Protein backbone atom coordinates (compact mmCIF):
# COMPACT_ATOMS: atom_id res chain seq x y z
CA MET A 1 -22.80 6.69 3.07
CA THR A 2 -22.00 3.57 1.09
CA GLU A 3 -19.47 1.10 2.47
CA LEU A 4 -16.98 2.35 -0.16
CA GLU A 5 -17.49 5.97 0.92
CA LYS A 6 -16.98 4.98 4.56
CA CYS A 7 -13.81 3.11 3.63
CA MET A 8 -12.27 5.97 1.66
CA ALA A 9 -13.22 8.47 4.40
CA GLY A 10 -11.25 6.46 6.97
CA GLU A 11 -14.37 5.39 8.86
CA TYR A 12 -15.33 1.89 9.99
CA TYR A 13 -16.61 -0.07 7.04
CA ASN A 14 -17.79 -3.60 6.31
CA CYS A 15 -14.85 -5.17 4.49
CA HIS A 16 -17.03 -8.25 3.81
CA ASP A 17 -19.56 -6.23 1.81
CA LYS A 18 -20.16 -7.87 -1.58
CA PHE A 19 -18.66 -4.84 -3.34
CA PHE A 20 -15.27 -5.42 -1.70
CA LEU A 21 -15.40 -9.19 -2.08
CA ASP A 22 -15.99 -8.75 -5.82
CA ILE A 23 -13.06 -6.33 -6.08
CA LYS A 24 -10.81 -8.76 -4.20
CA SER A 25 -11.87 -11.63 -6.44
CA HIS A 26 -11.08 -9.58 -9.55
CA ALA A 27 -7.69 -8.58 -8.13
CA ARG A 28 -6.83 -12.18 -7.20
CA THR A 29 -7.60 -13.35 -10.74
CA LEU A 30 -5.34 -10.70 -12.25
CA LEU A 31 -2.57 -11.35 -9.70
CA GLN A 32 -2.61 -15.06 -10.42
CA LYS A 33 -2.07 -14.33 -14.11
CA TYR A 34 0.55 -11.67 -13.37
CA ASN A 35 2.65 -13.76 -11.01
CA ALA A 36 2.66 -16.66 -13.49
CA LEU A 37 4.28 -14.59 -16.24
CA ALA A 38 7.96 -14.94 -17.10
CA TYR A 39 10.38 -12.10 -16.38
CA GLU A 40 10.68 -11.33 -20.09
CA GLN A 41 6.91 -10.91 -20.64
CA LYS A 42 7.03 -7.19 -19.91
CA ALA A 43 4.26 -6.11 -22.29
CA GLU A 44 1.85 -8.67 -20.83
CA LYS A 45 2.77 -7.57 -17.31
CA ILE A 46 2.11 -3.90 -18.02
CA ASN A 47 -1.24 -4.79 -19.61
CA ILE A 48 -2.34 -6.58 -16.42
CA LEU A 49 -1.07 -3.79 -14.16
CA LYS A 50 -3.11 -1.29 -16.16
CA GLN A 51 -6.21 -3.39 -15.46
CA LEU A 52 -5.29 -3.89 -11.80
CA PHE A 53 -4.12 -0.45 -10.63
CA GLY A 54 -6.06 2.79 -10.35
CA GLY A 55 -3.32 4.55 -12.29
CA ILE A 56 0.15 3.72 -13.62
CA GLY A 57 2.80 5.85 -15.32
CA THR A 58 5.52 4.95 -17.77
CA ASN A 59 8.61 2.81 -17.13
CA VAL A 60 7.10 0.93 -14.17
CA SER A 61 8.37 -2.45 -13.05
CA VAL A 62 6.70 -4.63 -10.40
CA GLY A 63 8.59 -7.79 -9.48
CA CYS A 64 7.00 -11.18 -8.91
CA PRO A 65 5.51 -12.34 -6.71
CA PHE A 66 3.40 -9.27 -5.95
CA ILE A 67 0.37 -9.18 -3.66
CA CYS A 68 -2.28 -6.51 -3.21
CA ASP A 69 -5.79 -6.37 -1.80
CA TYR A 70 -8.00 -4.35 -4.17
CA GLY A 71 -5.50 -3.07 -6.74
CA ARG A 72 -7.78 -0.24 -7.80
CA ASN A 73 -6.51 2.01 -4.98
CA ILE A 74 -2.87 1.88 -6.11
CA TYR A 75 -1.58 4.87 -8.10
CA ILE A 76 2.01 4.74 -9.37
CA GLY A 77 3.91 7.49 -11.19
CA ASN A 78 6.70 7.33 -13.77
CA ASN A 79 10.04 5.53 -13.40
CA VAL A 80 9.10 3.30 -10.48
CA SER A 81 10.69 -0.01 -9.54
CA VAL A 82 8.90 -2.31 -7.10
CA ASN A 83 11.08 -5.33 -6.37
CA MET A 84 9.92 -8.89 -5.69
CA ASN A 85 7.73 -10.12 -2.85
CA CYS A 86 6.07 -6.80 -1.99
CA THR A 87 2.63 -6.55 -0.40
CA PHE A 88 0.36 -3.51 -0.84
CA VAL A 89 -2.78 -3.70 1.33
CA ASP A 90 -4.63 -1.00 -0.60
CA CYS A 91 -7.99 -0.82 1.18
CA ASN A 92 -7.48 2.95 0.97
CA LYS A 93 -5.39 4.87 -1.53
CA ILE A 94 -1.67 4.15 -1.98
CA THR A 95 0.01 6.88 -4.02
CA ILE A 96 3.60 6.47 -5.22
CA GLY A 97 5.30 9.39 -6.98
CA ASP A 98 7.88 9.46 -9.77
CA ASN A 99 11.43 8.08 -9.67
CA VAL A 100 10.80 5.76 -6.72
CA LEU A 101 12.68 2.61 -5.71
CA ILE A 102 10.87 0.06 -3.55
CA ALA A 103 13.07 -2.86 -2.51
CA SER A 104 12.10 -6.48 -1.93
CA ASN A 105 9.71 -7.48 0.84
CA VAL A 106 8.31 -3.98 1.39
CA GLN A 107 4.84 -3.94 2.95
CA LEU A 108 2.40 -1.01 2.69
CA TYR A 109 -0.62 -1.37 4.99
CA THR A 110 -3.60 0.98 4.75
CA ALA A 111 -5.97 -1.25 6.76
CA THR A 112 -6.16 -1.00 10.55
CA HIS A 113 -8.30 -1.89 13.56
CA PRO A 114 -8.92 -0.29 16.97
CA VAL A 115 -6.36 -1.17 19.65
CA GLU A 116 -8.92 -1.56 22.45
CA LEU A 117 -10.66 -4.95 22.26
CA ALA A 118 -14.07 -3.51 23.16
CA GLU A 119 -13.82 -1.10 20.22
CA ARG A 120 -12.25 -3.66 17.86
CA LEU A 121 -15.07 -6.21 18.10
CA THR A 122 -18.06 -5.50 15.87
CA PRO A 123 -21.07 -4.79 18.14
CA ASN A 124 -23.75 -7.51 18.15
CA TRP A 125 -21.79 -9.55 15.63
CA ASN A 126 -22.96 -13.00 14.54
CA MET A 127 -22.17 -15.17 11.54
CA GLU A 128 -25.43 -14.29 9.80
CA THR A 129 -24.64 -10.56 9.60
CA GLU A 130 -22.16 -11.02 6.68
CA GLN A 131 -19.84 -8.59 8.44
CA TYR A 132 -16.31 -9.06 9.66
CA PHE A 133 -16.13 -9.85 13.38
CA CYS A 134 -13.70 -6.95 13.92
CA ARG A 135 -14.13 -3.30 13.04
CA THR A 136 -11.93 -2.21 10.16
CA CYS A 137 -10.95 1.17 8.77
CA ALA A 138 -8.29 2.24 6.28
CA LEU A 139 -6.06 5.31 5.95
CA PRO A 140 -4.14 6.38 2.82
CA ILE A 141 -0.39 6.06 2.31
CA LYS A 142 1.65 8.44 0.17
CA ILE A 143 5.22 7.83 -1.00
CA GLY A 144 6.66 11.01 -2.50
CA SER A 145 8.69 11.37 -5.67
CA GLY A 146 12.36 10.43 -5.52
CA CYS A 147 12.01 8.12 -2.51
CA TRP A 148 13.86 4.87 -1.87
CA LEU A 149 12.40 2.30 0.53
CA GLY A 150 14.96 -0.31 1.58
CA GLY A 151 14.35 -4.05 1.87
CA GLY A 152 11.72 -5.18 4.33
CA VAL A 153 10.37 -1.70 5.13
CA ILE A 154 6.87 -1.63 6.61
CA VAL A 155 4.71 1.49 6.20
CA LEU A 156 1.68 1.76 8.47
CA PRO A 157 -1.75 3.31 7.73
CA GLY A 158 -2.01 7.05 7.21
CA VAL A 159 1.73 7.66 6.68
CA THR A 160 3.18 10.13 4.18
CA ILE A 161 6.85 9.93 3.20
CA GLY A 162 8.07 13.20 1.75
CA ASP A 163 9.80 13.67 -1.61
CA GLY A 164 13.41 12.52 -1.83
CA SER A 165 13.48 10.58 1.43
CA VAL A 166 15.27 7.28 2.02
CA ILE A 167 13.95 4.70 4.48
CA GLY A 168 16.56 2.23 5.75
CA ALA A 169 16.07 -1.51 5.36
CA GLY A 170 13.89 -3.16 7.99
CA SER A 171 12.36 0.10 9.24
CA VAL A 172 8.77 0.32 10.49
CA VAL A 173 7.36 3.70 9.50
CA THR A 174 4.70 4.63 12.05
CA LYS A 175 4.41 8.36 11.35
CA ASP A 176 5.06 10.88 8.59
CA ILE A 177 8.64 11.37 7.37
CA PRO A 178 9.48 14.83 6.02
CA ALA A 179 11.00 15.39 2.60
CA ASN A 180 14.73 14.88 1.97
CA SER A 181 15.30 12.81 5.09
CA LEU A 182 17.28 9.65 5.82
CA ALA A 183 15.18 7.70 8.31
CA VAL A 184 15.75 4.31 9.91
CA GLY A 185 14.64 2.05 12.73
CA ASN A 186 11.60 0.68 14.54
CA PRO A 187 9.90 3.00 15.02
CA CYS A 188 11.43 4.81 12.06
CA ARG A 189 13.04 8.15 12.89
CA VAL A 190 14.92 10.78 10.91
CA ILE A 191 18.68 10.65 11.48
CA ARG A 192 19.76 13.36 9.06
CA LYS A 193 18.73 15.53 6.14
CA ILE A 194 19.83 14.63 2.60
CA ASN A 195 19.72 16.13 -0.90
CA GLY A 196 20.84 19.52 0.44
CA GLY A 197 17.77 19.81 2.68
CA ASN A 198 18.26 22.25 5.53
CA LYS A 199 14.94 22.14 7.38
């Protein structure tokens, strides 16, 4: 498998492989241009987002500053508002549905490392290997249609948030949230069903 295939499969991959460094460099160049644009330069912003993201729908707004890792793994639907100062670490796929509100300071993290130190350290690592000293893998994040993520929400690797759900400000989402749920806290937990949901 290539390093990209390992990455997208959720396996350990070399995040310092030239392929990923080139993608990061490209993303950083586009982000620098994007974050320098004025609020009113909407057409120019959309043009850059189309170059940066893997896919983008209509009526999408991404506030400045915005930070992402690769860009190419971000897929956004229609009628989506991402407020200022958000960070999307898109080493694996981040999919955002239609009619989604993402408040300021939201962080979506697909990248992760083993908890145990012996597993986290790259075996036989040295500076000449051109590898990262820690093992890295990445798991996809999915935000369903009709969701609202409050200010400062953090979503961890591998999490899916179901359609129509609302995540309260400051929550840390460590596991999947079912559709039509109001969920809050650290760790985030469902406190009640919304939108007429009865399951």
